[in-house]
Amino acid sequence: MSGLLRQILRKVYHLYGGMMHPRFYELKAKTHGMLNPMIYRRMYLLAREQPDLDIVEIGGAAGAGSVALALGMKESGKRSGLVVVEKLQGGSRATLGDYQRNLEIINGNFRDFEVGDVVRLYPHEITMENGSEVRALIRTPEIAAFVHDADGRLDRDFSLFWPLLRPGGLIIVDDYANSPHFKPISERNPQGGIKSVMTFRLLNQMIEWGLFRLTRRMGNTAFGIKPVGADFSRFDRQACRRIIEQVERERDAFLAKAGTERAIR
């Protein structure tokens, strides 16, 4: 399928989602959301269905998905909270401004949609080293769900949050697509375009280990659960590291080849 045809189909898909679900189209528009309104609606509905336990979202961006989840929790009468991790700089945030500007935007969106009482924001990049600080924001014995819409480092997020997730709990992963978009590393592209393919390969590895069962895919967003009886001892950080390093090598080889071809021209 050509790039132009993909763009046309993507626009049609988004327009259809907006027409079918105007509430979530408005949410997307007001919060600079990057996903289809139908996906925000599904996040909202799934949040409504979960038990009254905290939810963790890694990669809040400007807050579109966070608001959808928080509204679902709040409007279903839950008292639990949504822990949102967002680094607020670089990547897609670079187009909206610096750290302080992005902090103002996300907090403004939480305020405008009246979910500030549900959200606990961790306004920093998450690492294995500071992950305990994020876990400290969780106030329930287990979590109902965790969401990854960030940098593709599923190894980190599964390490930190999978053991806290209730059996059968919800897992949502965005950018699940075997489609590398390799480009030079920059503020806008801090990983050089490896996020989608890294997410794809790491999530497939989690599926192979029995740690994730896919229940539905909408575009590049994967919805699934933590299988009951799953054994986390199968998780292998070194195997994940090898996957990440392989994708990085593919990016570097692609960029080197592209640089050579430009030099020849």
C-alpha atoms as a PDB file:
ATOM      1  CA  MET A   1       0.000   0.000   0.000  1.00  0.00           C
ATOM      2  CA  SER A   2       1.422   3.390  -0.999  1.00  0.00           C
ATOM      3  CA  GLY A   3       2.160   6.091   1.568  1.00  0.00           C
ATOM      4  CA  LEU A   4      -0.430   8.385  -0.003  1.00  0.00           C
ATOM      5  CA  LEU A   5      -3.151   5.737   0.184  1.00  0.00           C
ATOM      6  CA  ARG A   6      -2.300   5.050   3.837  1.00  0.00           C
ATOM      7  CA  GLN A   7      -2.632   8.761   4.610  1.00  0.00           C
ATOM      8  CA  ILE A   8      -6.024   8.931   2.891  1.00  0.00           C
ATOM      9  CA  LEU A   9      -7.311   5.849   4.705  1.00  0.00           C
ATOM     10  CA  ARG A  10      -6.040   7.223   8.016  1.00  0.00           C
ATOM     11  CA  LYS A  11      -7.909  10.494   7.477  1.00  0.00           C
ATOM     12  CA  VAL A  12     -11.100   8.648   6.566  1.00  0.00           C
ATOM     13  CA  TYR A  13     -10.728   6.471   9.661  1.00  0.00           C
ATOM     14  CA  HIS A  14     -10.330   9.534  11.900  1.00  0.00           C
ATOM     15  CA  LEU A  15     -13.252  11.359  10.276  1.00  0.00           C
ATOM     16  CA  TYR A  16     -15.455   8.311  10.749  1.00  0.00           C
ATOM     17  CA  GLY A  17     -14.434   8.102  14.392  1.00  0.00           C
ATOM     18  CA  GLY A  18     -15.261  11.766  14.884  1.00  0.00           C
ATOM     19  CA  MET A  19     -18.659  11.469  13.237  1.00  0.00           C
ATOM     20  CA  MET A  20     -19.602   8.387  15.264  1.00  0.00           C
ATOM     21  CA  HIS A  21     -18.341   9.692  18.602  1.00  0.00           C
ATOM     22  CA  PRO A  22     -18.486  13.501  18.740  1.00  0.00           C
ATOM     23  CA  ARG A  23     -17.729  13.611  22.475  1.00  0.00           C
ATOM     24  CA  PHE A  24     -14.391  11.951  21.913  1.00  0.00           C
ATOM     25  CA  TYR A  25     -13.704  13.933  18.768  1.00  0.00           C
ATOM     26  CA  GLU A  26     -14.052  17.059  20.905  1.00  0.00           C
ATOM     27  CA  LEU A  27     -11.734  15.516  23.497  1.00  0.00           C
ATOM     28  CA  LYS A  28      -9.153  14.793  20.804  1.00  0.00           C
ATOM     29  CA  ALA A  29      -9.417  18.322  19.367  1.00  0.00           C
ATOM     30  CA  LYS A  30      -9.196  20.140  22.692  1.00  0.00           C
ATOM     31  CA  THR A  31      -6.281  18.108  24.020  1.00  0.00           C
ATOM     32  CA  HIS A  32      -4.140  17.786  20.873  1.00  0.00           C
ATOM     33  CA  GLY A  33      -4.900  14.052  20.887  1.00  0.00           C
ATOM     34  CA  MET A  34      -3.032  11.892  18.383  1.00  0.00           C
ATOM     35  CA  LEU A  35      -5.316   8.835  18.334  1.00  0.00           C
ATOM     36  CA  ASN A  36      -8.637   8.118  16.693  1.00  0.00           C
ATOM     37  CA  PRO A  37     -11.677   9.240  18.741  1.00  0.00           C
ATOM     38  CA  MET A  38     -12.894   5.622  18.691  1.00  0.00           C
ATOM     39  CA  ILE A  39      -9.781   4.587  20.615  1.00  0.00           C
ATOM     40  CA  TYR A  40     -10.364   7.253  23.273  1.00  0.00           C
ATOM     41  CA  ARG A  41     -13.950   6.033  23.559  1.00  0.00           C
ATOM     42  CA  ARG A  42     -12.790   2.454  24.041  1.00  0.00           C
ATOM     43  CA  MET A  43     -10.315   3.562  26.712  1.00  0.00           C
ATOM     44  CA  TYR A  44     -13.153   5.382  28.457  1.00  0.00           C
ATOM     45  CA  LEU A  45     -15.470   2.364  28.331  1.00  0.00           C
ATOM     46  CA  LEU A  46     -12.780  -0.029  29.522  1.00  0.00           C
ATOM     47  CA  ALA A  47     -11.911   2.262  32.426  1.00  0.00           C
ATOM     48  CA  ARG A  48     -15.570   2.229  33.434  1.00  0.00           C
ATOM     49  CA  GLU A  49     -15.559  -1.583  33.478  1.00  0.00           C
ATOM     50  CA  GLN A  50     -12.499  -2.029  35.685  1.00  0.00           C
ATOM     51  CA  PRO A  51     -12.631  -2.728  39.423  1.00  0.00           C
ATOM     52  CA  ASP A  52     -12.045   0.212  41.770  1.00  0.00           C
ATOM     53  CA  LEU A  53      -8.248   0.058  41.607  1.00  0.00           C
ATOM     54  CA  ASP A  54      -5.661   2.561  40.421  1.00  0.00           C
ATOM     55  CA  ILE A  55      -4.570   2.679  36.773  1.00  0.00           C
ATOM     56  CA  VAL A  56      -1.094   3.637  35.531  1.00  0.00           C
ATOM     57  CA  GLU A  57      -0.497   5.396  32.205  1.00  0.00           C
ATOM     58  CA  ILE A  58       3.023   5.779  30.828  1.00  0.00           C
ATOM     59  CA  GLY A  59       3.134   8.555  28.256  1.00  0.00           C
ATOM     60  CA  GLY A  60       0.340  11.030  28.899  1.00  0.00           C
ATOM     61  CA  ALA A  61       1.360  13.450  26.090  1.00  0.00           C
ATOM     62  CA  ALA A  62      -1.061  16.397  26.385  1.00  0.00           C
ATOM     63  CA  GLY A  63      -3.578  14.317  28.295  1.00  0.00           C
ATOM     64  CA  ALA A  64      -6.124  13.044  25.755  1.00  0.00           C
ATOM     65  CA  GLY A  65      -5.894   9.394  26.764  1.00  0.00           C
ATOM     66  CA  SER A  66      -5.504  10.366  30.406  1.00  0.00           C
ATOM     67  CA  VAL A  67      -8.756  12.343  30.303  1.00  0.00           C
ATOM     68  CA  ALA A  68     -10.597   9.471  28.592  1.00  0.00           C
ATOM     69  CA  LEU A  69      -9.449   7.033  31.287  1.00  0.00           C
ATOM     70  CA  ALA A  70     -10.079   9.455  34.147  1.00  0.00           C
ATOM     71  CA  LEU A  71     -13.581  10.289  32.915  1.00  0.00           C
ATOM     72  CA  GLY A  72     -14.401   6.601  32.710  1.00  0.00           C
ATOM     73  CA  MET A  73     -13.193   6.091  36.271  1.00  0.00           C
ATOM     74  CA  LYS A  74     -14.921   9.169  37.648  1.00  0.00           C
ATOM     75  CA  GLU A  75     -18.254   8.742  35.854  1.00  0.00           C
ATOM     76  CA  SER A  76     -18.542   5.132  37.019  1.00  0.00           C
ATOM     77  CA  GLY A  77     -18.241   6.224  40.631  1.00  0.00           C
ATOM     78  CA  LYS A  78     -14.756   4.929  41.332  1.00  0.00           C
ATOM     79  CA  ARG A  79     -12.645   6.454  44.079  1.00  0.00           C
ATOM     80  CA  SER A  80      -9.337   5.141  42.754  1.00  0.00           C
ATOM     81  CA  GLY A  81      -6.869   7.278  40.838  1.00  0.00           C
ATOM     82  CA  LEU A  82      -4.992   7.464  37.560  1.00  0.00           C
ATOM     83  CA  VAL A  83      -1.218   7.765  37.810  1.00  0.00           C
ATOM     84  CA  VAL A  84       0.054   9.550  34.688  1.00  0.00           C
ATOM     85  CA  VAL A  85       3.734   9.619  33.748  1.00  0.00           C
ATOM     86  CA  GLU A  86       4.764  12.240  31.195  1.00  0.00           C
ATOM     87  CA  LYS A  87       8.247  13.684  30.669  1.00  0.00           C
ATOM     88  CA  LEU A  88       6.844  16.880  29.061  1.00  0.00           C
ATOM     89  CA  GLN A  89       9.747  17.531  26.720  1.00  0.00           C
ATOM     90  CA  GLY A  90      11.270  16.207  23.518  1.00  0.00           C
ATOM     91  CA  GLY A  91       9.596  13.910  21.037  1.00  0.00           C
ATOM     92  CA  SER A  92       6.044  14.913  20.145  1.00  0.00           C
ATOM     93  CA  ARG A  93       6.064  17.430  23.027  1.00  0.00           C
ATOM     94  CA  ALA A  94       8.758  19.499  21.300  1.00  0.00           C
ATOM     95  CA  THR A  95       6.173  20.823  18.823  1.00  0.00           C
ATOM     96  CA  LEU A  96       4.128  22.406  21.629  1.00  0.00           C
ATOM     97  CA  GLY A  97       6.925  24.086  23.553  1.00  0.00           C
ATOM     98  CA  ASP A  98       9.315  23.536  26.423  1.00  0.00           C
ATOM     99  CA  TYR A  99       8.837  21.601  29.662  1.00  0.00           C
ATOM    100  CA  GLN A 100       6.980  24.382  31.458  1.00  0.00           C
ATOM    101  CA  ARG A 101       4.635  25.001  28.534  1.00  0.00           C
ATOM    102  CA  ASN A 102       3.776  21.303  28.250  1.00  0.00           C
ATOM    103  CA  LEU A 103       3.182  21.122  32.001  1.00  0.00           C
ATOM    104  CA  GLU A 104       0.732  24.020  31.701  1.00  0.00           C
ATOM    105  CA  ILE A 105      -1.041  22.330  28.770  1.00  0.00           C
ATOM    106  CA  ILE A 106      -1.544  18.937  30.413  1.00  0.00           C
ATOM    107  CA  ASN A 107      -2.637  20.405  33.745  1.00  0.00           C
ATOM    108  CA  GLY A 108      -4.958  22.788  31.892  1.00  0.00           C
ATOM    109  CA  ASN A 109      -6.580  19.857  30.095  1.00  0.00           C
ATOM    110  CA  PHE A 110      -7.078  17.985  33.354  1.00  0.00           C
ATOM    111  CA  ARG A 111      -8.650  21.109  34.827  1.00  0.00           C
ATOM    112  CA  ASP A 112     -10.879  21.827  31.827  1.00  0.00           C
ATOM    113  CA  PHE A 113     -12.275  18.283  31.819  1.00  0.00           C
ATOM    114  CA  GLU A 114     -12.597  18.286  35.620  1.00  0.00           C
ATOM    115  CA  VAL A 115     -10.444  15.224  36.248  1.00  0.00           C
ATOM    116  CA  GLY A 116      -7.716  16.865  38.288  1.00  0.00           C
ATOM    117  CA  ASP A 117      -9.068  15.112  41.375  1.00  0.00           C
ATOM    118  CA  VAL A 118      -8.554  11.723  39.707  1.00  0.00           C
ATOM    119  CA  VAL A 119      -5.087  12.229  38.198  1.00  0.00           C
ATOM    120  CA  ARG A 120      -1.736  12.011  39.969  1.00  0.00           C
ATOM    121  CA  LEU A 121       0.871  13.364  37.555  1.00  0.00           C
ATOM    122  CA  TYR A 122       4.515  12.275  37.636  1.00  0.00           C
ATOM    123  CA  PRO A 123       6.079  14.954  35.401  1.00  0.00           C
ATOM    124  CA  HIS A 124       9.367  13.257  34.606  1.00  0.00           C
ATOM    125  CA  GLU A 125      10.787  10.605  32.327  1.00  0.00           C
ATOM    126  CA  ILE A 126      10.410   7.169  33.891  1.00  0.00           C
ATOM    127  CA  THR A 127      13.409   4.865  34.297  1.00  0.00           C
ATOM    128  CA  MET A 128      14.082   1.654  36.178  1.00  0.00           C
ATOM    129  CA  GLU A 129      15.932   3.799  38.712  1.00  0.00           C
ATOM    130  CA  ASN A 130      13.036   6.172  39.512  1.00  0.00           C
ATOM    131  CA  GLY A 131      10.267   3.657  38.857  1.00  0.00           C
ATOM    132  CA  SER A 132       9.847   3.216  42.614  1.00  0.00           C
ATOM    133  CA  GLU A 133       8.745   6.861  42.801  1.00  0.00           C
ATOM    134  CA  VAL A 134       5.940   6.149  40.342  1.00  0.00           C
ATOM    135  CA  ARG A 135       4.948   2.981  42.177  1.00  0.00           C
ATOM    136  CA  ALA A 136       4.773   5.029  45.385  1.00  0.00           C
ATOM    137  CA  LEU A 137       1.940   7.055  43.821  1.00  0.00           C
ATOM    138  CA  ILE A 138      -0.208   3.903  43.586  1.00  0.00           C
ATOM    139  CA  ARG A 139      -2.583   3.755  46.558  1.00  0.00           C
ATOM    140  CA  THR A 140      -4.357   0.449  45.961  1.00  0.00           C
ATOM    141  CA  PRO A 141      -2.969  -3.063  46.658  1.00  0.00           C
ATOM    142  CA  GLU A 142      -3.168  -3.919  42.966  1.00  0.00           C
ATOM    143  CA  ILE A 143      -3.729  -1.925  39.791  1.00  0.00           C
ATOM    144  CA  ALA A 144      -6.612  -2.468  37.396  1.00  0.00           C
ATOM    145  CA  ALA A 145      -4.651  -1.566  34.262  1.00  0.00           C
ATOM    146  CA  PHE A 146      -1.534  -0.063  32.826  1.00  0.00           C
ATOM    147  CA  VAL A 147      -1.168   1.790  29.558  1.00  0.00           C
ATOM    148  CA  HIS A 148       1.976   2.289  27.492  1.00  0.00           C
ATOM    149  CA  ASP A 149       2.015   5.112  24.953  1.00  0.00           C
ATOM    150  CA  ALA A 150       5.555   6.333  25.306  1.00  0.00           C
ATOM    151  CA  ASP A 151       8.987   5.274  24.088  1.00  0.00           C
ATOM    152  CA  GLY A 152       8.480   1.591  23.340  1.00  0.00           C
ATOM    153  CA  ARG A 153      10.362   0.394  26.434  1.00  0.00           C
ATOM    154  CA  LEU A 154       7.891  -2.312  27.343  1.00  0.00           C
ATOM    155  CA  ASP A 155      10.657  -4.180  29.163  1.00  0.00           C
ATOM    156  CA  ARG A 156      10.774  -1.368  31.722  1.00  0.00           C
ATOM    157  CA  ASP A 157       7.016  -1.025  32.140  1.00  0.00           C
ATOM    158  CA  PHE A 158       6.326  -4.748  32.341  1.00  0.00           C
ATOM    159  CA  SER A 159       9.096  -5.021  34.959  1.00  0.00           C
ATOM    160  CA  LEU A 160       7.640  -2.227  37.075  1.00  0.00           C
ATOM    161  CA  PHE A 161       3.887  -2.676  36.725  1.00  0.00           C
ATOM    162  CA  TRP A 162       3.004  -6.163  35.469  1.00  0.00           C
ATOM    163  CA  PRO A 163       3.561  -7.735  38.925  1.00  0.00           C
ATOM    164  CA  LEU A 164       1.168  -5.149  40.436  1.00  0.00           C
ATOM    165  CA  LEU A 165      -1.541  -5.782  37.844  1.00  0.00           C
ATOM    166  CA  ARG A 166      -4.438  -7.929  38.970  1.00  0.00           C
ATOM    167  CA  PRO A 167      -4.876 -11.271  37.143  1.00  0.00           C
ATOM    168  CA  GLY A 168      -6.972 -10.597  34.064  1.00  0.00           C
ATOM    169  CA  GLY A 169      -6.115  -6.906  34.324  1.00  0.00           C
ATOM    170  CA  LEU A 170      -6.139  -4.562  31.345  1.00  0.00           C
ATOM    171  CA  ILE A 171      -3.028  -3.672  29.330  1.00  0.00           C
ATOM    172  CA  ILE A 172      -3.130  -1.119  26.495  1.00  0.00           C
ATOM    173  CA  VAL A 173      -0.112  -0.574  24.224  1.00  0.00           C
ATOM    174  CA  ASP A 174       0.018   2.050  21.482  1.00  0.00           C
ATOM    175  CA  ASP A 175       2.411   2.167  18.501  1.00  0.00           C
ATOM    176  CA  TYR A 176       2.166  -1.599  17.992  1.00  0.00           C
ATOM    177  CA  ALA A 177       3.236  -1.654  14.355  1.00  0.00           C
ATOM    178  CA  ASN A 178       6.065  -3.358  12.506  1.00  0.00           C
ATOM    179  CA  SER A 179       6.842  -0.158  10.644  1.00  0.00           C
ATOM    180  CA  PRO A 180      10.218   1.463  11.297  1.00  0.00           C
ATOM    181  CA  HIS A 181      10.584   5.122  10.399  1.00  0.00           C
ATOM    182  CA  PHE A 182      14.319   5.433  10.818  1.00  0.00           C
ATOM    183  CA  LYS A 183      15.723   8.962  10.868  1.00  0.00           C
ATOM    184  CA  PRO A 184      18.604  10.823  12.517  1.00  0.00           C
ATOM    185  CA  ILE A 185      18.304  11.262  16.280  1.00  0.00           C
ATOM    186  CA  SER A 186      17.070  14.737  17.235  1.00  0.00           C
ATOM    187  CA  GLU A 187      14.966  16.460  19.886  1.00  0.00           C
ATOM    188  CA  ARG A 188      11.828  15.617  17.887  1.00  0.00           C
ATOM    189  CA  ASN A 189      13.021  12.045  17.242  1.00  0.00           C
ATOM    190  CA  PRO A 190      15.118  11.112  20.282  1.00  0.00           C
ATOM    191  CA  GLN A 191      15.163   7.413  19.360  1.00  0.00           C
ATOM    192  CA  GLY A 192      15.645   7.820  15.641  1.00  0.00           C
ATOM    193  CA  GLY A 193      12.285   6.380  14.620  1.00  0.00           C
ATOM    194  CA  ILE A 194      12.574   2.952  16.248  1.00  0.00           C
ATOM    195  CA  LYS A 195       9.621   3.239  18.645  1.00  0.00           C
ATOM    196  CA  SER A 196       6.957   1.384  16.667  1.00  0.00           C
ATOM    197  CA  VAL A 197       9.051  -1.562  15.553  1.00  0.00           C
ATOM    198  CA  MET A 198      10.601  -1.870  19.035  1.00  0.00           C
ATOM    199  CA  THR A 199       7.122  -1.846  20.595  1.00  0.00           C
ATOM    200  CA  PHE A 200       5.965  -4.454  18.082  1.00  0.00           C
ATOM    201  CA  ARG A 201       8.820  -6.856  18.747  1.00  0.00           C
ATOM    202  CA  LEU A 202       8.821  -6.453  22.517  1.00  0.00           C
ATOM    203  CA  LEU A 203       5.059  -6.936  22.817  1.00  0.00           C
ATOM    204  CA  ASN A 204       5.276 -10.023  20.610  1.00  0.00           C
ATOM    205  CA  GLN A 205       7.911 -11.321  23.011  1.00  0.00           C
ATOM    206  CA  MET A 206       5.574 -10.694  25.961  1.00  0.00           C
ATOM    207  CA  ILE A 207       2.890 -12.644  24.088  1.00  0.00           C
ATOM    208  CA  GLU A 208       5.328 -15.524  23.518  1.00  0.00           C
ATOM    209  CA  TRP A 209       6.153 -15.561  27.240  1.00  0.00           C
ATOM    210  CA  GLY A 210       2.455 -15.688  28.090  1.00  0.00           C
ATOM    211  CA  LEU A 211       2.470 -12.314  29.834  1.00  0.00           C
ATOM    212  CA  PHE A 212       0.007 -10.594  27.476  1.00  0.00           C
ATOM    213  CA  ARG A 213      -3.014 -11.855  25.582  1.00  0.00           C
ATOM    214  CA  LEU A 214      -4.217  -9.671  22.725  1.00  0.00           C
ATOM    215  CA  THR A 215      -7.976  -9.188  22.772  1.00  0.00           C
ATOM    216  CA  ARG A 216      -8.420  -6.420  20.209  1.00  0.00           C
ATOM    217  CA  ARG A 217      -6.403  -4.201  17.920  1.00  0.00           C
ATOM    218  CA  MET A 218      -7.597  -0.811  16.713  1.00  0.00           C
ATOM    219  CA  GLY A 219      -5.175   0.702  14.254  1.00  0.00           C
ATOM    220  CA  ASN A 220      -1.800   0.559  15.986  1.00  0.00           C
ATOM    221  CA  THR A 221      -3.292   0.314  19.473  1.00  0.00           C
ATOM    222  CA  ALA A 222      -3.269  -3.128  21.088  1.00  0.00           C
ATOM    223  CA  PHE A 223      -5.752  -3.980  23.842  1.00  0.00           C
ATOM    224  CA  GLY A 224      -5.161  -7.060  25.940  1.00  0.00           C
ATOM    225  CA  ILE A 225      -5.049  -8.606  29.376  1.00  0.00           C
ATOM    226  CA  LYS A 226      -2.671 -10.186  31.856  1.00  0.00           C
ATOM    227  CA  PRO A 227      -3.566 -13.880  31.502  1.00  0.00           C
ATOM    228  CA  VAL A 228      -4.738 -15.549  34.695  1.00  0.00           C
ATOM    229  CA  GLY A 229      -2.006 -17.850  35.967  1.00  0.00           C
ATOM    230  CA  ALA A 230       0.741 -16.183  33.912  1.00  0.00           C
ATOM    231  CA  ASP A 231       4.267 -16.770  35.220  1.00  0.00           C
ATOM    232  CA  PHE A 232       6.488 -13.686  35.386  1.00  0.00           C
ATOM    233  CA  SER A 233       9.596 -15.817  35.872  1.00  0.00           C
ATOM    234  CA  ARG A 234       9.556 -16.274  32.086  1.00  0.00           C
ATOM    235  CA  PHE A 235      10.375 -12.550  31.682  1.00  0.00           C
ATOM    236  CA  ASP A 236      14.001 -12.112  30.589  1.00  0.00           C
ATOM    237  CA  ARG A 237      15.467  -8.600  30.650  1.00  0.00           C
ATOM    238  CA  GLN A 238      18.532  -9.706  28.708  1.00  0.00           C
ATOM    239  CA  ALA A 239      16.352 -11.059  25.900  1.00  0.00           C
ATOM    240  CA  CYS A 240      14.549  -7.706  25.797  1.00  0.00           C
ATOM    241  CA  ARG A 241      17.876  -5.901  25.702  1.00  0.00           C
ATOM    242  CA  ARG A 242      18.920  -7.984  22.700  1.00  0.00           C
ATOM    243  CA  ILE A 243      15.710  -7.051  20.874  1.00  0.00           C
ATOM    244  CA  ILE A 244      16.303  -3.345  21.532  1.00  0.00           C
ATOM    245  CA  GLU A 245      19.941  -3.533  20.438  1.00  0.00           C
ATOM    246  CA  GLN A 246      18.950  -5.339  17.225  1.00  0.00           C
ATOM    247  CA  VAL A 247      16.476  -2.582  16.327  1.00  0.00           C
ATOM    248  CA  GLU A 248      19.107   0.054  17.077  1.00  0.00           C
ATOM    249  CA  ARG A 249      21.577  -1.735  14.785  1.00  0.00           C
ATOM    250  CA  GLU A 250      18.994  -1.813  12.007  1.00  0.00           C
ATOM    251  CA  ARG A 251      18.421   1.929  12.413  1.00  0.00           C
ATOM    252  CA  ASP A 252      22.134   2.704  12.375  1.00  0.00           C
ATOM    253  CA  ALA A 253      22.694   0.525   9.297  1.00  0.00           C
ATOM    254  CA  PHE A 254      19.791   2.192   7.484  1.00  0.00           C
ATOM    255  CA  LEU A 255      21.066   5.684   8.264  1.00  0.00           C
ATOM    256  CA  ALA A 256      24.615   4.769   7.273  1.00  0.00           C
ATOM    257  CA  LYS A 257      23.395   3.402   3.948  1.00  0.00           C
ATOM    258  CA  ALA A 258      21.236   6.470   3.351  1.00  0.00           C
ATOM    259  CA  GLY A 259      24.194   8.727   4.105  1.00  0.00           C
ATOM    260  CA  THR A 260      26.401   6.816   1.666  1.00  0.00           C
ATOM    261  CA  GLU A 261      23.784   7.035  -1.070  1.00  0.00           C
ATOM    262  CA  ARG A 262      23.449  10.798  -0.570  1.00  0.00           C
ATOM    263  CA  ALA A 263      27.211  11.196  -0.741  1.00  0.00           C
ATOM    264  CA  ILE A 264      27.356   9.249  -4.036  1.00  0.00           C
ATOM    265  CA  ARG A 265      24.687  11.480  -5.571  1.00  0.00           C
END
